[in-house]
Protein backbone atom coordinates (compact mmCIF):
# COMPACT_ATOMS: atom_id res chain seq x y z
CA MET A 1 0.00 0.00 0.00
CA LYS A 2 1.38 3.43 -0.98
CA ASN A 3 1.78 6.31 1.47
CA ILE A 4 0.90 9.97 0.88
CA LEU A 5 2.14 13.02 2.81
CA ILE A 6 -0.15 16.06 3.06
CA THR A 7 1.28 19.29 4.47
CA ASP A 8 -0.64 22.08 6.26
CA SER A 9 -4.37 21.90 7.05
CA LEU A 10 -5.86 24.47 4.65
CA PHE A 11 -6.30 22.05 1.75
CA ILE A 12 -7.50 18.43 1.44
CA PHE A 13 -10.80 18.20 3.29
CA PRO A 14 -12.23 15.11 5.05
CA GLU A 15 -14.04 14.06 1.88
CA HIS A 16 -10.74 14.11 0.01
CA GLU A 17 -9.05 12.04 2.69
CA LYS A 18 -11.86 9.52 2.25
CA MET A 19 -11.28 9.49 -1.52
CA LEU A 20 -7.59 8.76 -0.97
CA LYS A 21 -8.27 6.00 1.56
CA ASP A 22 -10.97 4.47 -0.63
CA ALA A 23 -8.41 4.41 -3.47
CA GLY A 24 -6.14 2.33 -1.24
CA PHE A 25 -3.63 4.88 0.09
CA ASN A 26 -2.31 5.56 3.58
CA ILE A 27 -2.29 9.23 4.61
CA GLU A 28 0.04 11.12 6.92
CA ARG A 29 -0.51 14.81 7.65
CA LEU A 30 2.22 17.27 8.63
CA ASP A 31 0.09 20.07 10.03
CA LYS A 32 2.58 22.87 9.45
CA PRO A 33 2.30 25.67 6.88
CA GLN A 34 6.05 26.11 6.48
CA ALA A 35 7.94 22.92 7.27
CA THR A 36 11.73 23.11 7.31
CA GLU A 37 13.99 21.08 5.04
CA ASP A 38 14.78 18.65 7.85
CA GLU A 39 11.12 18.25 8.77
CA LEU A 40 10.22 17.52 5.15
CA ILE A 41 13.07 15.05 4.76
CA GLU A 42 11.85 13.15 7.82
CA ALA A 43 8.18 13.33 6.81
CA LEU A 44 8.87 12.09 3.27
CA LYS A 45 10.52 8.85 4.39
CA ASP A 46 8.66 5.91 2.83
CA LYS A 47 6.22 8.27 1.05
CA HIS A 48 5.19 7.70 -2.53
CA GLY A 49 3.01 10.78 -2.94
CA TYR A 50 3.19 14.32 -1.54
CA ILE A 51 0.40 16.92 -1.63
CA LEU A 52 2.07 20.27 -1.03
CA GLY A 53 -0.56 22.29 0.82
CA GLY A 54 1.69 24.69 2.73
CA ILE A 55 4.24 27.32 1.76
CA GLU A 56 7.31 25.19 2.43
CA LYS A 57 10.11 25.05 -0.14
CA VAL A 58 10.91 21.67 -1.67
CA THR A 59 14.62 22.08 -2.34
CA ASP A 60 17.18 19.89 -4.08
CA LYS A 61 18.24 18.65 -0.65
CA VAL A 62 14.70 17.46 0.08
CA ILE A 63 14.34 15.82 -3.33
CA ALA A 64 17.75 14.13 -3.05
CA SER A 65 16.81 12.62 0.31
CA THR A 66 13.94 10.47 -0.97
CA ASP A 67 14.16 7.24 -2.91
CA THR A 68 10.47 6.35 -2.77
CA LEU A 69 8.69 9.55 -3.88
CA GLU A 70 6.83 9.24 -7.18
CA ALA A 71 4.66 12.37 -7.32
CA ILE A 72 4.26 15.88 -5.89
CA CYS A 73 0.94 17.67 -6.32
CA PHE A 74 1.04 21.39 -5.54
CA THR A 75 -2.25 23.01 -4.49
CA GLY A 76 -1.41 26.32 -6.23
CA SER A 77 -0.11 27.36 -9.62
CA ASP A 78 3.41 28.78 -9.12
CA TYR A 79 5.11 25.42 -8.57
CA ARG A 80 8.63 26.60 -9.52
CA TYR A 81 8.70 28.97 -6.53
CA PHE A 82 7.56 26.38 -3.99
CA ILE A 83 9.43 23.47 -5.58
CA PRO A 84 12.83 24.98 -6.42
CA GLY A 85 14.10 21.39 -6.73
CA TYR A 86 11.64 20.63 -9.55
CA LYS A 87 14.35 19.95 -12.14
CA LEU A 88 16.05 17.39 -9.93
CA ALA A 89 12.64 15.88 -9.19
CA GLN A 90 11.95 15.44 -12.89
CA GLU A 91 15.41 13.96 -13.45
CA LYS A 92 14.61 11.40 -10.74
CA GLY A 93 11.30 10.55 -12.42
CA ILE A 94 9.14 12.31 -9.80
CA SER A 95 5.99 13.67 -11.45
CA ILE A 96 4.75 17.16 -10.55
CA THR A 97 1.28 18.66 -10.97
CA ASN A 98 -0.16 22.04 -10.06
CA CYS A 99 -3.57 23.73 -10.16
CA PRO A 100 -3.40 26.42 -12.86
CA GLY A 101 -6.00 29.14 -12.49
CA VAL A 102 -7.70 27.50 -9.54
CA ASN A 103 -7.60 30.60 -7.33
CA SER A 104 -7.78 33.20 -10.10
CA GLY A 105 -11.37 34.13 -9.28
CA ALA A 106 -10.57 34.57 -5.59
CA VAL A 107 -7.54 36.79 -6.30
CA ALA A 108 -9.52 38.83 -8.84
CA ASP A 109 -12.25 39.37 -6.22
CA TYR A 110 -9.69 40.58 -3.71
CA THR A 111 -8.10 42.84 -6.32
CA PHE A 112 -11.43 44.59 -6.74
CA THR A 113 -11.90 44.81 -2.98
CA LEU A 114 -8.64 46.75 -2.71
CA MET A 115 -9.32 48.74 -5.86
CA PHE A 116 -12.70 50.01 -4.67
CA ALA A 117 -11.52 50.64 -1.10
CA MET A 118 -8.64 52.83 -2.29
CA MET A 119 -10.48 54.57 -5.11
CA ARG A 120 -13.47 55.50 -2.93
CA ASP A 121 -11.25 56.50 0.02
CA ILE A 122 -12.96 54.05 2.37
CA PHE A 123 -10.19 54.28 4.95
CA ASP A 124 -10.14 58.10 5.15
CA LEU A 125 -13.90 58.62 4.86
CA GLY A 126 -14.69 55.92 7.44
CA ARG A 127 -13.99 55.69 11.15
CA THR A 128 -10.35 54.75 10.42
CA GLY A 129 -9.79 58.24 8.99
CA SER A 130 -10.73 61.86 9.61
CA ALA A 131 -12.37 63.02 6.36
CA THR A 132 -16.14 63.51 6.23
CA PHE A 133 -16.74 64.52 2.63
CA ARG A 134 -14.77 64.01 -0.56
CA THR A 135 -15.74 63.56 -4.19
CA THR A 136 -13.88 60.55 -5.59
CA PRO A 137 -13.36 59.18 -9.11
CA SER A 138 -15.50 56.33 -10.38
CA LEU A 139 -14.09 53.09 -11.69
CA SER A 140 -16.00 53.24 -14.97
CA ASP A 141 -14.35 56.54 -15.89
CA SER A 142 -10.86 55.45 -14.85
CA THR A 143 -8.10 54.12 -17.08
CA VAL A 144 -6.96 50.79 -15.66
CA GLY A 145 -3.64 49.12 -16.47
CA ILE A 146 -3.16 45.38 -15.91
CA ILE A 147 0.41 44.06 -15.68
CA GLY A 148 0.32 40.33 -16.45
CA MET A 149 -2.43 38.74 -18.53
CA GLY A 150 -2.46 35.19 -17.20
CA HIS A 151 -5.43 33.51 -15.50
CA ILE A 152 -5.86 36.29 -12.91
CA GLY A 153 -5.20 39.20 -15.27
CA GLN A 154 -7.82 37.87 -17.69
CA LYS A 155 -10.37 37.50 -14.87
CA VAL A 156 -9.71 41.09 -13.81
CA ALA A 157 -10.09 42.33 -17.40
CA ARG A 158 -13.41 40.54 -17.85
CA MET A 159 -14.73 41.87 -14.54
CA LEU A 160 -13.67 45.42 -15.45
CA LYS A 161 -15.55 45.18 -18.75
CA ALA A 162 -18.62 43.82 -16.96
CA LEU A 163 -18.52 46.85 -14.65
CA GLY A 164 -18.46 49.23 -17.59
CA VAL A 165 -14.82 50.29 -17.56
CA LYS A 166 -14.07 51.65 -21.01
CA ASN A 167 -10.31 52.19 -20.94
CA ILE A 168 -8.35 49.03 -20.14
CA ASN A 169 -4.72 48.56 -21.12
CA TYR A 170 -2.49 45.59 -20.43
CA SER A 171 1.17 44.67 -20.57
CA ASN A 172 2.39 41.10 -20.85
CA ARG A 173 5.36 39.10 -22.13
CA THR A 174 3.25 38.10 -25.11
CA ARG A 175 0.27 39.78 -26.74
CA ASN A 176 -3.14 38.16 -26.75
CA GLU A 177 -4.76 39.67 -29.82
CA GLY A 178 -7.76 37.39 -29.54
CA LEU A 179 -8.52 38.73 -26.07
CA GLU A 180 -7.94 42.30 -27.25
CA LYS A 181 -10.55 41.84 -29.95
CA GLU A 182 -12.99 40.01 -27.67
CA LEU A 183 -12.89 42.51 -24.79
CA GLY A 184 -11.84 45.71 -26.54
CA ILE A 185 -8.69 46.13 -24.46
CA ASN A 186 -5.34 47.52 -25.60
CA TYR A 187 -1.80 46.17 -25.40
CA LEU A 188 0.87 48.67 -24.35
CA PRO A 189 4.52 48.40 -23.33
CA ILE A 190 4.66 48.68 -19.56
CA GLU A 191 6.23 52.16 -19.62
CA LYS A 192 3.35 53.62 -21.66
CA LEU A 193 0.78 51.75 -19.59
CA LEU A 194 2.10 53.31 -16.38
CA LEU A 195 2.03 56.83 -17.83
CA LYS A 196 -1.62 56.48 -18.88
CA SER A 197 -3.23 54.57 -15.99
CA ASP A 198 -5.25 55.91 -13.06
CA ILE A 199 -5.13 52.44 -11.48
CA VAL A 200 -2.37 49.87 -12.04
CA THR A 201 -2.82 46.29 -10.87
CA ILE A 202 0.00 43.72 -10.85
CA HIS A 203 -0.65 40.05 -11.69
CA VAL A 204 2.68 38.50 -12.69
CA SER A 205 4.10 35.33 -11.17
CA LYS A 206 7.08 35.02 -8.83
CA GLU A 207 9.16 34.15 -11.90
CA ALA A 208 9.28 37.90 -12.56
CA GLY A 209 11.64 38.17 -9.59
CA GLU A 210 11.97 40.38 -6.54
CA LYS A 211 11.79 44.14 -7.14
CA TYR A 212 10.47 43.53 -10.65
CA PHE A 213 8.35 46.65 -10.16
CA ASN A 214 11.39 48.83 -9.70
CA THR A 215 12.25 52.50 -9.12
CA GLU A 216 11.91 53.33 -12.81
CA TYR A 217 8.40 51.90 -13.01
CA ILE A 218 7.28 53.54 -9.75
CA LYS A 219 8.43 56.96 -10.95
CA LEU A 220 6.42 56.53 -14.16
CA LEU A 221 3.13 56.16 -12.27
CA LYS A 222 0.78 59.10 -12.79
CA ASP A 223 0.28 61.61 -10.00
CA ASN A 224 -2.69 60.57 -7.81
CA SER A 225 -2.72 57.07 -9.29
CA ILE A 226 -3.36 53.89 -7.31
CA LEU A 227 -1.13 50.82 -7.38
CA ILE A 228 -2.68 47.46 -6.47
CA ASN A 229 -0.34 44.55 -5.78
CA CYS A 230 -1.99 41.15 -5.49
CA ALA A 231 1.02 39.31 -6.90
CA PHE A 232 3.53 38.96 -4.03
CA GLU A 233 5.02 41.42 -1.56
CA SER A 234 8.63 41.60 -2.70
CA ILE A 235 7.79 42.20 -6.36
CA VAL A 236 7.71 45.95 -5.62
CA ASP A 237 10.82 47.88 -4.61
CA GLU A 238 9.76 48.93 -1.10
CA GLU A 239 12.31 51.73 -0.70
CA ALA A 240 11.31 53.45 -3.94
CA LEU A 241 7.61 52.95 -3.24
CA TYR A 242 7.92 54.34 0.28
CA VAL A 243 9.40 57.61 -1.00
CA GLU A 244 6.45 58.14 -3.34
CA LEU A 245 3.86 57.14 -0.75
CA LEU A 246 5.36 59.45 1.85
CA SER A 247 5.15 62.35 -0.57
CA GLY A 248 1.47 61.59 -1.17
CA ARG A 249 2.00 61.48 -4.94
CA ILE A 250 0.55 57.98 -5.31
CA ARG A 251 -1.33 55.48 -3.14
CA CYS A 252 -1.03 51.70 -2.89
CA ALA A 253 -2.78 48.63 -1.51
CA GLN A 254 -1.06 45.24 -1.23
CA ASP A 255 -2.05 41.69 -0.43
CA GLY A 256 0.62 40.95 2.15
CA PRO A 257 2.72 42.99 4.57
CA ALA A 258 5.58 45.35 3.88
CA HIS A 259 8.94 44.33 5.34
CA ASP A 260 10.01 47.92 5.99
CA PRO A 261 8.74 48.92 9.49
CA ARG A 262 8.24 52.54 8.35
CA TYR A 263 5.19 51.49 6.33
CA LYS A 264 3.12 50.96 9.50
CA ASP A 265 3.17 54.71 10.13
CA LEU A 266 1.71 55.64 6.74
CA PRO A 267 -1.99 56.66 6.74
CA LEU A 268 -4.34 53.85 5.73
CA HIS A 269 -5.76 55.79 2.80
CA ILE A 270 -2.21 56.11 1.41
CA TRP A 271 -1.03 52.57 2.15
CA PHE A 272 -3.04 49.46 3.04
CA ASN A 273 -1.74 45.93 3.42
CA SER A 274 -3.19 42.65 4.60
CA ASN A 275 -1.41 40.96 7.51
CA ALA A 276 -0.55 38.00 5.27
CA GLY A 277 -1.32 36.96 1.72
CA THR A 278 -5.06 36.31 1.71
CA GLY A 279 -6.34 36.99 -1.80
CA PHE A 280 -6.30 33.32 -2.82
CA ASN A 281 -7.99 32.13 0.36
CA THR A 282 -11.68 31.47 -0.20
CA HIS A 283 -13.52 28.26 0.61
CA GLU A 284 -14.50 27.81 -3.04
CA ALA A 285 -10.91 28.18 -4.29
CA ASN A 286 -9.49 25.89 -1.59
CA LYS A 287 -12.14 23.26 -2.32
CA ALA A 288 -11.37 23.39 -6.05
CA ALA A 289 -7.61 23.07 -5.41
CA SER A 290 -8.23 20.14 -3.07
CA ASP A 291 -10.43 18.42 -5.66
CA MET A 292 -7.78 18.84 -8.36
CA SER A 293 -4.84 17.78 -6.19
CA THR A 294 -6.62 14.71 -4.83
CA LYS A 295 -7.57 13.50 -8.30
CA SER A 296 -4.08 14.23 -9.60
CA ILE A 297 -2.26 12.27 -6.89
CA ILE A 298 -4.56 9.30 -7.37
CA ASN A 299 -4.01 9.40 -11.13
CA LEU A 300 -0.25 9.69 -10.86
CA LEU A 301 0.13 6.89 -8.31
CA THR A 302 -2.18 4.53 -10.17
CA THR A 303 -1.64 5.30 -13.87
CA GLY A 304 1.48 7.50 -13.91
CA THR A 305 -0.26 10.27 -15.83
CA ASP A 306 -2.57 13.21 -15.22
CA GLY A 307 -3.92 16.16 -17.22
CA TYR A 308 -2.10 18.65 -14.97
CA LYS A 309 1.26 16.89 -15.04
CA ILE A 310 4.13 19.30 -15.73
CA LYS A 311 5.98 18.27 -18.89
């Protein structure tokens, strides 16, 4: 009988555990969101399958330690970031799957939550601020720039069109002319997009690298524009952003905390952040990821193939 490790407790619900047991597998749970290398090495002994439900990093050292592992199923989409040892895993014949687009709707929802809160000055016009009256822009009359047109960026674009936003520009590594024609959106190089946009929202993967949104890009943002970051915290150059926020020239909301302690003293209507990344975290998205990962691990350990297997 084959053994499966499941990390963290956010994903893989009781009904999924039953599916795995009914399929003939033993389950062991490591109820930690960020297991260390040594903890993973110990937990993966005699395991054939591994459902990665936390935010631990599966390094080369972890991969090299196992001689039984056949499959890793990641409950998110950015597997390269959480499985930096993926190349060694593939060399050893360990299959990897992920869940592309599974939380795109949840992140798009949260993007709009931040967008509306900042645009309508919720934090300054409510009991967290001191203002009592202010005329604000409306979303439909704003020019919105989307950086990254993957699963999440496309969801955001469709939602913007549904809400009547007329001016939508996007920047991406590759153009999607079919989507441009379908939705009536425009492709622009990122520099031009930043100069034109009242609201800029970032939806690139961690492959873009830390400080991808650098000093040059931050300085190109229009006066009084709003930056929304629902990608990952360190994608924005915090030092450069802080200077602009402190001056009041731009405003920003981010899914996840800033690492610079000075940010906590900025007014909420200038800078808002969640205490931890939360945009992906809805029951619907977690259930869908659990469904996909459970089916994938069963497929890989019984047939050796699955529709979400990374080539």
